[in-house]
Amino acid sequence: MTKTEQVIDQLTQLKKLLEKEKAILINNQGSELAQVLREKEELLVSLSAFSEEGVDLKQLSSLSREVKALQETNLMLTEQSIRYTETMLEHIKKSAKQNHTYSKKGTFDQTKKSALVDQSL
């Protein structure tokens, strides 16, 4: 196997991992994300060991563009997820600061304490 074929093989593996990562991000399967990221990191370390010497870069151009596009898509999905989480936390914080609740009698009550879930029944 030539050096170019080895790099193509590793880039193909990376592309598959990036597609898997994209599906995980879209389907919000965070528990599976850590394993994919570890695999991706290992693959990137082995790819970085290759030098350009003896590698036909023209054969890699199409595949490397696909990998770059997937990487950018996954970054965008990750940033979108972070923004959504931050927005939700901000709304939760705001609602936790509002101390308006209903009393056990059913009347509107302004309490001093507030919680997301009232567990006192």
PDB file of N, CA and C in Angstrom:
ATOM      1  N   MET A   1       0.855  -1.179   0.000  1.00  0.00           N
ATOM      2  CA  MET A   1       0.000   0.000   0.000  1.00  0.00           C
ATOM      3  C   MET A   1       0.900   1.240   0.000  1.00  0.00           C
ATOM      4  N   THR A   2       0.664   2.131  -0.933  1.00  0.00           N
ATOM      5  CA  THR A   2       1.479   3.345  -1.018  1.00  0.00           C
ATOM      6  C   THR A   2       1.101   4.312   0.095  1.00  0.00           C
ATOM      7  N   LYS A   3       1.956   5.283   0.301  1.00  0.00           N
ATOM      8  CA  LYS A   3       1.708   6.286   1.331  1.00  0.00           C
ATOM      9  C   LYS A   3       0.423   7.059   1.028  1.00  0.00           C
ATOM     10  N   THR A   4       0.193   7.361  -0.238  1.00  0.00           N
ATOM     11  CA  THR A   4      -1.023   8.069  -0.641  1.00  0.00           C
ATOM     12  C   THR A   4      -2.255   7.238  -0.320  1.00  0.00           C
ATOM     13  N   GLU A   5      -2.204   5.946  -0.597  1.00  0.00           N
ATOM     14  CA  GLU A   5      -3.341   5.061  -0.300  1.00  0.00           C
ATOM     15  C   GLU A   5      -3.591   4.974   1.199  1.00  0.00           C
ATOM     16  N   GLN A   6      -2.518   4.986   1.989  1.00  0.00           N
ATOM     17  CA  GLN A   6      -2.680   4.953   3.448  1.00  0.00           C
ATOM     18  C   GLN A   6      -3.383   6.221   3.942  1.00  0.00           C
ATOM     19  N   VAL A   7      -2.973   7.348   3.401  1.00  0.00           N
ATOM     20  CA  VAL A   7      -3.600   8.615   3.800  1.00  0.00           C
ATOM     21  C   VAL A   7      -5.058   8.645   3.355  1.00  0.00           C
ATOM     22  N   ILE A   8      -5.325   8.183   2.140  1.00  0.00           N
ATOM     23  CA  ILE A   8      -6.709   8.125   1.644  1.00  0.00           C
ATOM     24  C   ILE A   8      -7.549   7.227   2.539  1.00  0.00           C
ATOM     25  N   ASP A   9      -6.989   6.095   2.951  1.00  0.00           N
ATOM     26  CA  ASP A   9      -7.705   5.174   3.836  1.00  0.00           C
ATOM     27  C   ASP A   9      -8.038   5.863   5.162  1.00  0.00           C
ATOM     28  N   GLN A  10      -7.074   6.571   5.721  1.00  0.00           N
ATOM     29  CA  GLN A  10      -7.325   7.248   6.997  1.00  0.00           C
ATOM     30  C   GLN A  10      -8.300   8.415   6.840  1.00  0.00           C
ATOM     31  N   LEU A  11      -8.206   9.134   5.748  1.00  0.00           N
ATOM     32  CA  LEU A  11      -9.169  10.218   5.498  1.00  0.00           C
ATOM     33  C   LEU A  11     -10.581   9.668   5.313  1.00  0.00           C
ATOM     34  N   THR A  12     -10.686   8.512   4.670  1.00  0.00           N
ATOM     35  CA  THR A  12     -11.995   7.869   4.500  1.00  0.00           C
ATOM     36  C   THR A  12     -12.566   7.470   5.856  1.00  0.00           C
ATOM     37  N   GLN A  13     -11.714   6.934   6.730  1.00  0.00           N
ATOM     38  CA  GLN A  13     -12.159   6.592   8.088  1.00  0.00           C
ATOM     39  C   GLN A  13     -12.604   7.847   8.840  1.00  0.00           C
ATOM     40  N   LEU A  14     -11.833   8.922   8.672  1.00  0.00           N
ATOM     41  CA  LEU A  14     -12.185  10.184   9.323  1.00  0.00           C
ATOM     42  C   LEU A  14     -13.521  10.704   8.806  1.00  0.00           C
ATOM     43  N   LYS A  15     -13.739  10.598   7.520  1.00  0.00           N
ATOM     44  CA  LYS A  15     -15.007  11.046   6.930  1.00  0.00           C
ATOM     45  C   LYS A  15     -16.175  10.259   7.524  1.00  0.00           C
ATOM     46  N   LYS A  16     -16.010   8.941   7.663  1.00  0.00           N
ATOM     47  CA  LYS A  16     -17.072   8.115   8.261  1.00  0.00           C
ATOM     48  C   LYS A  16     -17.332   8.522   9.706  1.00  0.00           C
ATOM     49  N   LEU A  17     -16.253   8.791  10.451  1.00  0.00           N
ATOM     50  CA  LEU A  17     -16.419   9.235  11.836  1.00  0.00           C
ATOM     51  C   LEU A  17     -17.134  10.581  11.908  1.00  0.00           C
ATOM     52  N   LEU A  18     -16.797  11.478  10.999  1.00  0.00           N
ATOM     53  CA  LEU A  18     -17.448  12.790  10.977  1.00  0.00           C
ATOM     54  C   LEU A  18     -18.928  12.674  10.623  1.00  0.00           C
ATOM     55  N   GLU A  19     -19.264  11.761   9.729  1.00  0.00           N
ATOM     56  CA  GLU A  19     -20.677  11.530   9.397  1.00  0.00           C
ATOM     57  C   GLU A  19     -21.415  10.955  10.600  1.00  0.00           C
ATOM     58  N   LYS A  20     -20.743  10.060  11.329  1.00  0.00           N
ATOM     59  CA  LYS A  20     -21.342   9.490  12.544  1.00  0.00           C
ATOM     60  C   LYS A  20     -21.518  10.582  13.603  1.00  0.00           C
ATOM     61  N   GLU A  21     -20.503  11.435  13.752  1.00  0.00           N
ATOM     62  CA  GLU A  21     -20.580  12.549  14.693  1.00  0.00           C
ATOM     63  C   GLU A  21     -21.733  13.484  14.334  1.00  0.00           C
ATOM     64  N   LYS A  22     -21.900  13.755  13.060  1.00  0.00           N
ATOM     65  CA  LYS A  22     -22.988  14.622  12.596  1.00  0.00           C
ATOM     66  C   LYS A  22     -24.344  14.029  12.975  1.00  0.00           C
ATOM     67  N   ALA A  23     -24.519  12.729  12.740  1.00  0.00           N
ATOM     68  CA  ALA A  23     -25.782  12.067  13.094  1.00  0.00           C
ATOM     69  C   ALA A  23     -26.024  12.128  14.601  1.00  0.00           C
ATOM     70  N   ILE A  24     -24.965  11.944  15.377  1.00  0.00           N
ATOM     71  CA  ILE A  24     -25.087  12.001  16.833  1.00  0.00           C
ATOM     72  C   ILE A  24     -25.496  13.405  17.274  1.00  0.00           C
ATOM     73  N   LEU A  25     -24.885  14.422  16.683  1.00  0.00           N
ATOM     74  CA  LEU A  25     -25.221  15.802  17.038  1.00  0.00           C
ATOM     75  C   LEU A  25     -26.654  16.141  16.650  1.00  0.00           C
ATOM     76  N   ILE A  26     -27.076  15.700  15.487  1.00  0.00           N
ATOM     77  CA  ILE A  26     -28.441  15.982  15.029  1.00  0.00           C
ATOM     78  C   ILE A  26     -29.468  15.282  15.904  1.00  0.00           C
ATOM     79  N   ASN A  27     -29.171  14.038  16.303  1.00  0.00           N
ATOM     80  CA  ASN A  27     -30.115  13.249  17.090  1.00  0.00           C
ATOM     81  C   ASN A  27     -29.944  13.432  18.592  1.00  0.00           C
ATOM     82  N   ASN A  28     -29.055  14.371  18.979  1.00  0.00           N
ATOM     83  CA  ASN A  28     -28.857  14.700  20.390  1.00  0.00           C
ATOM     84  C   ASN A  28     -28.521  13.472  21.238  1.00  0.00           C
ATOM     85  N   GLN A  29     -27.563  12.691  20.785  1.00  0.00           N
ATOM     86  CA  GLN A  29     -27.135  11.481  21.494  1.00  0.00           C
ATOM     87  C   GLN A  29     -25.772  11.729  22.141  1.00  0.00           C
ATOM     88  N   GLY A  30     -25.765  12.604  23.118  1.00  0.00           N
ATOM     89  CA  GLY A  30     -24.527  13.025  23.758  1.00  0.00           C
ATOM     90  C   GLY A  30     -23.716  11.911  24.374  1.00  0.00           C
ATOM     91  N   SER A  31     -24.368  10.853  24.832  1.00  0.00           N
ATOM     92  CA  SER A  31     -23.644   9.756  25.466  1.00  0.00           C
ATOM     93  C   SER A  31     -22.716   9.046  24.488  1.00  0.00           C
ATOM     94  N   GLU A  32     -23.036   9.068  23.213  1.00  0.00           N
ATOM     95  CA  GLU A  32     -22.209   8.406  22.206  1.00  0.00           C
ATOM     96  C   GLU A  32     -21.126   9.332  21.650  1.00  0.00           C
ATOM     97  N   LEU A  33     -21.258  10.606  21.892  1.00  0.00           N
ATOM     98  CA  LEU A  33     -20.343  11.584  21.304  1.00  0.00           C
ATOM     99  C   LEU A  33     -18.914  11.445  21.824  1.00  0.00           C
ATOM    100  N   ALA A  34     -18.753  11.176  23.105  1.00  0.00           N
ATOM    101  CA  ALA A  34     -17.408  11.094  23.692  1.00  0.00           C
ATOM    102  C   ALA A  34     -16.569  10.014  23.018  1.00  0.00           C
ATOM    103  N   GLN A  35     -17.156   8.863  22.754  1.00  0.00           N
ATOM    104  CA  GLN A  35     -16.425   7.770  22.108  1.00  0.00           C
ATOM    105  C   GLN A  35     -15.998   8.158  20.695  1.00  0.00           C
ATOM    106  N   VAL A  36     -16.880   8.781  19.950  1.00  0.00           N
ATOM    107  CA  VAL A  36     -16.556   9.197  18.583  1.00  0.00           C
ATOM    108  C   VAL A  36     -15.436  10.237  18.602  1.00  0.00           C
ATOM    109  N   LEU A  37     -15.474  11.144  19.559  1.00  0.00           N
ATOM    110  CA  LEU A  37     -14.431  12.164  19.653  1.00  0.00           C
ATOM    111  C   LEU A  37     -13.077  11.550  19.991  1.00  0.00           C
ATOM    112  N   ARG A  38     -13.065  10.520  20.854  1.00  0.00           N
ATOM    113  CA  ARG A  38     -11.808   9.827  21.153  1.00  0.00           C
ATOM    114  C   ARG A  38     -11.253   9.152  19.904  1.00  0.00           C
ATOM    115  N   GLU A  39     -12.129   8.470  19.163  1.00  0.00           N
ATOM    116  CA  GLU A  39     -11.703   7.808  17.926  1.00  0.00           C
ATOM    117  C   GLU A  39     -11.179   8.831  16.922  1.00  0.00           C
ATOM    118  N   LYS A  40     -11.866   9.948  16.823  1.00  0.00           N
ATOM    119  CA  LYS A  40     -11.461  10.998  15.889  1.00  0.00           C
ATOM    120  C   LYS A  40     -10.096  11.561  16.277  1.00  0.00           C
ATOM    121  N   GLU A  41      -9.884  11.759  17.557  1.00  0.00           N
ATOM    122  CA  GLU A  41      -8.607  12.285  18.032  1.00  0.00           C
ATOM    123  C   GLU A  41      -7.463  11.319  17.703  1.00  0.00           C
ATOM    124  N   GLU A  42      -7.686  10.024  17.941  1.00  0.00           N
ATOM    125  CA  GLU A  42      -6.664   9.022  17.623  1.00  0.00           C
ATOM    126  C   GLU A  42      -6.344   9.029  16.132  1.00  0.00           C
ATOM    127  N   LEU A  43      -7.373   9.120  15.325  1.00  0.00           N
ATOM    128  CA  LEU A  43      -7.188   9.122  13.874  1.00  0.00           C
ATOM    129  C   LEU A  43      -6.439  10.374  13.415  1.00  0.00           C
ATOM    130  N   LEU A  44      -6.754  11.505  13.998  1.00  0.00           N
ATOM    131  CA  LEU A  44      -6.073  12.745  13.636  1.00  0.00           C
ATOM    132  C   LEU A  44      -4.600  12.719  14.046  1.00  0.00           C
ATOM    133  N   VAL A  45      -4.309  12.089  15.176  1.00  0.00           N
ATOM    134  CA  VAL A  45      -2.913  11.960  15.601  1.00  0.00           C
ATOM    135  C   VAL A  45      -2.140  11.113  14.600  1.00  0.00           C
ATOM    136  N   SER A  46      -2.733  10.001  14.170  1.00  0.00           N
ATOM    137  CA  SER A  46      -2.035   9.150  13.200  1.00  0.00           C
ATOM    138  C   SER A  46      -1.919   9.834  11.836  1.00  0.00           C
ATOM    139  N   LEU A  47      -2.916  10.620  11.465  1.00  0.00           N
ATOM    140  CA  LEU A  47      -2.837  11.367  10.203  1.00  0.00           C
ATOM    141  C   LEU A  47      -1.748  12.440  10.249  1.00  0.00           C
ATOM    142  N   SER A  48      -1.591  13.055  11.392  1.00  0.00           N
ATOM    143  CA  SER A  48      -0.585  14.118  11.503  1.00  0.00           C
ATOM    144  C   SER A  48       0.836  13.574  11.423  1.00  0.00           C
ATOM    145  N   ALA A  49       0.997  12.271  11.602  1.00  0.00           N
ATOM    146  CA  ALA A  49       2.325  11.659  11.517  1.00  0.00           C
ATOM    147  C   ALA A  49       2.828  11.583  10.078  1.00  0.00           C
ATOM    148  N   PHE A  50       1.923  11.662   9.116  1.00  0.00           N
ATOM    149  CA  PHE A  50       2.321  11.601   7.707  1.00  0.00           C
ATOM    150  C   PHE A  50       2.917  12.931   7.274  1.00  0.00           C
ATOM    151  N   SER A  51       3.975  12.854   6.491  1.00  0.00           N
ATOM    152  CA  SER A  51       4.529  14.066   5.884  1.00  0.00           C
ATOM    153  C   SER A  51       4.020  14.147   4.450  1.00  0.00           C
ATOM    154  N   GLU A  52       4.115  15.306   3.866  1.00  0.00           N
ATOM    155  CA  GLU A  52       3.637  15.490   2.488  1.00  0.00           C
ATOM    156  C   GLU A  52       4.533  14.776   1.488  1.00  0.00           C
ATOM    157  N   GLU A  53       5.722  14.456   1.915  1.00  0.00           N
ATOM    158  CA  GLU A  53       6.680  13.803   1.032  1.00  0.00           C
ATOM    159  C   GLU A  53       6.182  12.407   0.645  1.00  0.00           C
ATOM    160  N   GLY A  54       6.101  12.151  -0.624  1.00  0.00           N
ATOM    161  CA  GLY A  54       5.673  10.843  -1.103  1.00  0.00           C
ATOM    162  C   GLY A  54       4.164  10.670  -1.175  1.00  0.00           C
ATOM    163  N   VAL A  55       3.412  11.744  -0.938  1.00  0.00           N
ATOM    164  CA  VAL A  55       1.948  11.684  -0.983  1.00  0.00           C
ATOM    165  C   VAL A  55       1.478  12.526  -2.167  1.00  0.00           C
ATOM    166  N   ASP A  56       0.628  11.935  -2.996  1.00  0.00           N
ATOM    167  CA  ASP A  56       0.070  12.658  -4.143  1.00  0.00           C
ATOM    168  C   ASP A  56      -1.110  13.493  -3.652  1.00  0.00           C
ATOM    169  N   LEU A  57      -0.864  14.769  -3.436  1.00  0.00           N
ATOM    170  CA  LEU A  57      -1.877  15.660  -2.863  1.00  0.00           C
ATOM    171  C   LEU A  57      -3.075  15.853  -3.776  1.00  0.00           C
ATOM    172  N   LYS A  58      -2.893  15.704  -5.070  1.00  0.00           N
ATOM    173  CA  LYS A  58      -4.008  15.863  -6.008  1.00  0.00           C
ATOM    174  C   LYS A  58      -5.079  14.804  -5.769  1.00  0.00           C
ATOM    175  N   GLN A  59      -4.649  13.599  -5.391  1.00  0.00           N
ATOM    176  CA  GLN A  59      -5.614  12.527  -5.127  1.00  0.00           C
ATOM    177  C   GLN A  59      -6.394  12.773  -3.835  1.00  0.00           C
ATOM    178  N   LEU A  60      -5.854  13.587  -2.964  1.00  0.00           N
ATOM    179  CA  LEU A  60      -6.482  13.837  -1.663  1.00  0.00           C
ATOM    180  C   LEU A  60      -7.423  15.032  -1.665  1.00  0.00           C
ATOM    181  N   SER A  61      -7.359  15.861  -2.692  1.00  0.00           N
ATOM    182  CA  SER A  61      -8.071  17.142  -2.656  1.00  0.00           C
ATOM    183  C   SER A  61      -9.578  16.993  -2.482  1.00  0.00           C
ATOM    184  N   SER A  62     -10.203  16.118  -3.233  1.00  0.00           N
ATOM    185  CA  SER A  62     -11.656  15.956  -3.146  1.00  0.00           C
ATOM    186  C   SER A  62     -12.069  15.438  -1.769  1.00  0.00           C
ATOM    187  N   LEU A  63     -11.378  14.411  -1.314  1.00  0.00           N
ATOM    188  CA  LEU A  63     -11.703  13.815  -0.014  1.00  0.00           C
ATOM    189  C   LEU A  63     -11.431  14.802   1.120  1.00  0.00           C
ATOM    190  N   SER A  64     -10.354  15.546   1.022  1.00  0.00           N
ATOM    191  CA  SER A  64     -10.047  16.510   2.085  1.00  0.00           C
ATOM    192  C   SER A  64     -11.075  17.646   2.123  1.00  0.00           C
ATOM    193  N   ARG A  65     -11.612  18.040   0.970  1.00  0.00           N
ATOM    194  CA  ARG A  65     -12.681  19.057   0.950  1.00  0.00           C
ATOM    195  C   ARG A  65     -13.945  18.517   1.619  1.00  0.00           C
ATOM    196  N   GLU A  66     -14.267  17.245   1.373  1.00  0.00           N
ATOM    197  CA  GLU A  66     -15.441  16.641   2.014  1.00  0.00           C
ATOM    198  C   GLU A  66     -15.257  16.592   3.528  1.00  0.00           C
ATOM    199  N   VAL A  67     -14.055  16.222   3.969  1.00  0.00           N
ATOM    200  CA  VAL A  67     -13.763  16.165   5.403  1.00  0.00           C
ATOM    201  C   VAL A  67     -13.885  17.561   6.014  1.00  0.00           C
ATOM    202  N   LYS A  68     -13.349  18.554   5.331  1.00  0.00           N
ATOM    203  CA  LYS A  68     -13.426  19.934   5.828  1.00  0.00           C
ATOM    204  C   LYS A  68     -14.878  20.396   5.930  1.00  0.00           C
ATOM    205  N   ALA A  69     -15.686  20.088   4.930  1.00  0.00           N
ATOM    206  CA  ALA A  69     -17.101  20.486   4.943  1.00  0.00           C
ATOM    207  C   ALA A  69     -17.839  19.823   6.105  1.00  0.00           C
ATOM    208  N   LEU A  70     -17.577  18.542   6.332  1.00  0.00           N
ATOM    209  CA  LEU A  70     -18.218  17.841   7.451  1.00  0.00           C
ATOM    210  C   LEU A  70     -17.766  18.428   8.784  1.00  0.00           C
ATOM    211  N   GLN A  71     -16.492  18.745   8.886  1.00  0.00           N
ATOM    212  CA  GLN A  71     -15.955  19.333  10.109  1.00  0.00           C
ATOM    213  C   GLN A  71     -16.637  20.673  10.393  1.00  0.00           C
ATOM    214  N   GLU A  72     -16.833  21.479   9.372  1.00  0.00           N
ATOM    215  CA  GLU A  72     -17.499  22.776   9.534  1.00  0.00           C
ATOM    216  C   GLU A  72     -18.969  22.601   9.912  1.00  0.00           C
ATOM    217  N   THR A  73     -19.631  21.622   9.310  1.00  0.00           N
ATOM    218  CA  THR A  73     -21.029  21.343   9.648  1.00  0.00           C
ATOM    219  C   THR A  73     -21.152  20.922  11.104  1.00  0.00           C
ATOM    220  N   ASN A  74     -20.265  20.028  11.541  1.00  0.00           N
ATOM    221  CA  ASN A  74     -20.310  19.556  12.923  1.00  0.00           C
ATOM    222  C   ASN A  74     -20.012  20.683  13.905  1.00  0.00           C
ATOM    223  N   LEU A  75     -19.104  21.566  13.535  1.00  0.00           N
ATOM    224  CA  LEU A  75     -18.818  22.721  14.379  1.00  0.00           C
ATOM    225  C   LEU A  75     -20.055  23.606  14.498  1.00  0.00           C
ATOM    226  N   MET A  76     -20.731  23.839  13.388  1.00  0.00           N
ATOM    227  CA  MET A  76     -21.942  24.654  13.395  1.00  0.00           C
ATOM    228  C   MET A  76     -23.025  24.005  14.269  1.00  0.00           C
ATOM    229  N   LEU A  77     -23.197  22.687  14.153  1.00  0.00           N
ATOM    230  CA  LEU A  77     -24.192  21.982  14.965  1.00  0.00           C
ATOM    231  C   LEU A  77     -23.851  22.070  16.451  1.00  0.00           C
ATOM    232  N   THR A  78     -22.571  21.954  16.775  1.00  0.00           N
ATOM    233  CA  THR A  78     -22.139  22.048  18.167  1.00  0.00           C
ATOM    234  C   THR A  78     -22.395  23.447  18.714  1.00  0.00           C
ATOM    235  N   GLU A  79     -22.049  24.461  17.943  1.00  0.00           N
ATOM    236  CA  GLU A  79     -22.286  25.842  18.380  1.00  0.00           C
ATOM    237  C   GLU A  79     -23.772  26.117  18.550  1.00  0.00           C
ATOM    238  N   GLN A  80     -24.586  25.582  17.658  1.00  0.00           N
ATOM    239  CA  GLN A  80     -26.033  25.765  17.752  1.00  0.00           C
ATOM    240  C   GLN A  80     -26.563  25.106  19.024  1.00  0.00           C
ATOM    241  N   SER A  81     -26.065  23.939  19.338  1.00  0.00           N
ATOM    242  CA  SER A  81     -26.488  23.236  20.543  1.00  0.00           C
ATOM    243  C   SER A  81     -26.092  24.011  21.798  1.00  0.00           C
ATOM    244  N   ILE A  82     -24.895  24.567  21.787  1.00  0.00           N
ATOM    245  CA  ILE A  82     -24.438  25.360  22.928  1.00  0.00           C
ATOM    246  C   ILE A  82     -25.310  26.599  23.103  1.00  0.00           C
ATOM    247  N   ARG A  83     -25.614  27.289  22.006  1.00  0.00           N
ATOM    248  CA  ARG A  83     -26.480  28.477  22.093  1.00  0.00           C
ATOM    249  C   ARG A  83     -27.866  28.107  22.625  1.00  0.00           C
ATOM    250  N   TYR A  84     -28.414  26.982  22.170  1.00  0.00           N
ATOM    251  CA  TYR A  84     -29.725  26.540  22.640  1.00  0.00           C
ATOM    252  C   TYR A  84     -29.678  26.268  24.145  1.00  0.00           C
ATOM    253  N   THR A  85     -28.637  25.573  24.585  1.00  0.00           N
ATOM    254  CA  THR A  85     -28.498  25.256  26.003  1.00  0.00           C
ATOM    255  C   THR A  85     -28.369  26.526  26.832  1.00  0.00           C
ATOM    256  N   GLU A  86     -27.562  27.465  26.362  1.00  0.00           N
ATOM    257  CA  GLU A  86     -27.411  28.736  27.078  1.00  0.00           C
ATOM    258  C   GLU A  86     -28.730  29.497  27.150  1.00  0.00           C
ATOM    259  N   THR A  87     -29.487  29.490  26.066  1.00  0.00           N
ATOM    260  CA  THR A  87     -30.782  30.167  26.045  1.00  0.00           C
ATOM    261  C   THR A  87     -31.741  29.523  27.040  1.00  0.00           C
ATOM    262  N   MET A  88     -31.782  28.203  27.052  1.00  0.00           N
ATOM    263  CA  MET A  88     -32.670  27.503  27.985  1.00  0.00           C
ATOM    264  C   MET A  88     -32.278  27.790  29.431  1.00  0.00           C
ATOM    265  N   LEU A  89     -30.982  27.769  29.724  1.00  0.00           N
ATOM    266  CA  LEU A  89     -30.532  28.065  31.082  1.00  0.00           C
ATOM    267  C   LEU A  89     -30.891  29.490  31.484  1.00  0.00           C
ATOM    268  N   GLU A  90     -30.776  30.414  30.561  1.00  0.00           N
ATOM    269  CA  GLU A  90     -31.132  31.801  30.836  1.00  0.00           C
ATOM    270  C   GLU A  90     -32.626  31.919  31.157  1.00  0.00           C
ATOM    271  N   HIS A  91     -33.465  31.222  30.406  1.00  0.00           N
ATOM    272  CA  HIS A  91     -34.908  31.245  30.673  1.00  0.00           C
ATOM    273  C   HIS A  91     -35.226  30.602  32.017  1.00  0.00           C
ATOM    274  N   ILE A  92     -34.534  29.532  32.338  1.00  0.00           N
ATOM    275  CA  ILE A  92     -34.755  28.869  33.630  1.00  0.00           C
ATOM    276  C   ILE A  92     -34.344  29.792  34.769  1.00  0.00           C
ATOM    277  N   LYS A  93     -33.214  30.467  34.616  1.00  0.00           N
ATOM    278  CA  LYS A  93     -32.764  31.403  35.654  1.00  0.00           C
ATOM    279  C   LYS A  93     -33.770  32.524  35.846  1.00  0.00           C
ATOM    280  N   LYS A  94     -34.292  33.064  34.741  1.00  0.00           N
ATOM    281  CA  LYS A  94     -35.281  34.142  34.835  1.00  0.00           C
ATOM    282  C   LYS A  94     -36.543  33.668  35.536  1.00  0.00           C
ATOM    283  N   SER A  95     -37.001  32.475  35.184  1.00  0.00           N
ATOM    284  CA  SER A  95     -38.232  31.986  35.806  1.00  0.00           C
ATOM    285  C   SER A  95     -37.999  31.641  37.267  1.00  0.00           C
ATOM    286  N   ALA A  96     -36.787  31.241  37.628  1.00  0.00           N
ATOM    287  CA  ALA A  96     -36.494  30.940  39.027  1.00  0.00           C
ATOM    288  C   ALA A  96     -36.476  32.211  39.865  1.00  0.00           C
ATOM    289  N   LYS A  97     -36.147  33.344  39.254  1.00  0.00           N
ATOM    290  CA  LYS A  97     -36.124  34.615  39.980  1.00  0.00           C
ATOM    291  C   LYS A  97     -37.525  35.167  40.204  1.00  0.00           C
ATOM    292  N   GLN A  98     -38.473  34.775  39.388  1.00  0.00           N
ATOM    293  CA  GLN A  98     -39.846  35.238  39.548  1.00  0.00           C
ATOM    294  C   GLN A  98     -40.486  34.450  40.677  1.00  0.00           C
ATOM    295  N   ASN A  99     -40.880  35.162  41.693  1.00  0.00           N
ATOM    296  CA  ASN A  99     -41.382  34.514  42.895  1.00  0.00           C
ATOM    297  C   ASN A  99     -42.902  34.492  42.968  1.00  0.00           C
ATOM    298  N   HIS A 100     -43.554  34.441  41.854  1.00  0.00           N
ATOM    299  CA  HIS A 100     -45.013  34.410  41.849  1.00  0.00           C
ATOM    300  C   HIS A 100     -45.470  32.966  41.686  1.00  0.00           C
ATOM    301  N   THR A 101     -46.207  32.482  42.674  1.00  0.00           N
ATOM    302  CA  THR A 101     -46.734  31.116  42.618  1.00  0.00           C
ATOM    303  C   THR A 101     -48.168  31.120  43.122  1.00  0.00           C
ATOM    304  N   TYR A 102     -48.765  29.966  43.085  1.00  0.00           N
ATOM    305  CA  TYR A 102     -50.095  29.805  43.654  1.00  0.00           C
ATOM    306  C   TYR A 102     -49.965  29.104  44.993  1.00  0.00           C
ATOM    307  N   SER A 103     -50.743  29.554  45.952  1.00  0.00           N
ATOM    308  CA  SER A 103     -50.716  28.928  47.269  1.00  0.00           C
ATOM    309  C   SER A 103     -51.497  27.625  47.219  1.00  0.00           C
ATOM    310  N   LYS A 104     -51.438  26.885  48.302  1.00  0.00           N
ATOM    311  CA  LYS A 104     -52.167  25.618  48.367  1.00  0.00           C
ATOM    312  C   LYS A 104     -53.677  25.843  48.304  1.00  0.00           C
ATOM    313  N   LYS A 105     -54.118  27.052  48.623  1.00  0.00           N
ATOM    314  CA  LYS A 105     -55.538  27.381  48.563  1.00  0.00           C
ATOM    315  C   LYS A 105     -55.971  27.772  47.157  1.00  0.00           C
ATOM    316  N   GLY A 106     -54.996  27.936  46.254  1.00  0.00           N
ATOM    317  CA  GLY A 106     -55.324  28.277  44.877  1.00  0.00           C
ATOM    318  C   GLY A 106     -55.273  29.759  44.575  1.00  0.00           C
ATOM    319  N   THR A 107     -54.869  30.547  45.560  1.00  0.00           N
ATOM    320  CA  THR A 107     -54.763  31.981  45.326  1.00  0.00           C
ATOM    321  C   THR A 107     -53.342  32.343  44.896  1.00  0.00           C
ATOM    322  N   PHE A 108     -53.236  33.483  44.226  1.00  0.00           N
ATOM    323  CA  PHE A 108     -51.934  33.942  43.752  1.00  0.00           C
ATOM    324  C   PHE A 108     -51.117  34.406  44.941  1.00  0.00           C
ATOM    325  N   ASP A 109     -49.886  33.960  45.033  1.00  0.00           N
ATOM    326  CA  ASP A 109     -49.057  34.243  46.194  1.00  0.00           C
ATOM    327  C   ASP A 109     -47.664  34.652  45.737  1.00  0.00           C
ATOM    328  N   GLN A 110     -47.139  35.687  46.367  1.00  0.00           N
ATOM    329  CA  GLN A 110     -45.776  36.092  46.066  1.00  0.00           C
ATOM    330  C   GLN A 110     -44.899  35.581  47.206  1.00  0.00           C
ATOM    331  N   THR A 111     -44.117  34.549  46.911  1.00  0.00           N
ATOM    332  CA  THR A 111     -43.309  33.916  47.949  1.00  0.00           C
ATOM    333  C   THR A 111     -41.907  34.492  47.958  1.00  0.00           C
ATOM    334  N   LYS A 112     -41.191  34.192  49.030  1.00  0.00           N
ATOM    335  CA  LYS A 112     -39.808  34.636  49.132  1.00  0.00           C
ATOM    336  C   LYS A 112     -38.862  33.617  48.505  1.00  0.00           C
ATOM    337  N   LYS A 113     -39.238  32.369  48.496  1.00  0.00           N
ATOM    338  CA  LYS A 113     -38.396  31.333  47.918  1.00  0.00           C
ATOM    339  C   LYS A 113     -38.988  30.888  46.598  1.00  0.00           C
ATOM    340  N   SER A 114     -38.111  30.439  45.760  1.00  0.00           N
ATOM    341  CA  SER A 114     -38.585  29.932  44.490  1.00  0.00           C
ATOM    342  C   SER A 114     -37.778  28.702  44.126  1.00  0.00           C
ATOM    343  N   ALA A 115     -38.433  27.769  43.495  1.00  0.00           N
ATOM    344  CA  ALA A 115     -37.753  26.550  43.044  1.00  0.00           C
ATOM    345  C   ALA A 115     -38.348  26.156  41.707  1.00  0.00           C
ATOM    346  N   LEU A 116     -37.592  25.384  40.971  1.00  0.00           N
ATOM    347  CA  LEU A 116     -38.110  24.927  39.683  1.00  0.00           C
ATOM    348  C   LEU A 116     -39.257  23.952  39.885  1.00  0.00           C
ATOM    349  N   VAL A 117     -39.136  23.120  40.918  1.00  0.00           N
ATOM    350  CA  VAL A 117     -40.185  22.156  41.210  1.00  0.00           C
ATOM    351  C   VAL A 117     -40.520  22.274  42.689  1.00  0.00           C
ATOM    352  N   ASP A 118     -41.775  22.532  43.000  1.00  0.00           N
ATOM    353  CA  ASP A 118     -42.211  22.609  44.387  1.00  0.00           C
ATOM    354  C   ASP A 118     -42.514  21.203  44.862  1.00  0.00           C
ATOM    355  N   GLN A 119     -41.722  20.720  45.830  1.00  0.00           N
ATOM    356  CA  GLN A 119     -41.873  19.347  46.292  1.00  0.00           C
ATOM    357  C   GLN A 119     -42.659  19.258  47.592  1.00  0.00           C
ATOM    358  N   SER A 120     -43.161  20.366  48.097  1.00  0.00           N
ATOM    359  CA  SER A 120     -43.894  20.340  49.361  1.00  0.00           C
ATOM    360  C   SER A 120     -45.384  20.159  49.107  1.00  0.00           C
ATOM    361  N   LEU A 121     -45.861  18.987  49.365  1.00  0.00           N
ATOM    362  CA  LEU A 121     -47.295  18.722  49.202  1.00  0.00           C
ATOM    363  C   LEU A 121     -47.924  18.306  50.485  1.00  0.00           C
TER     364      LEU A 121
END
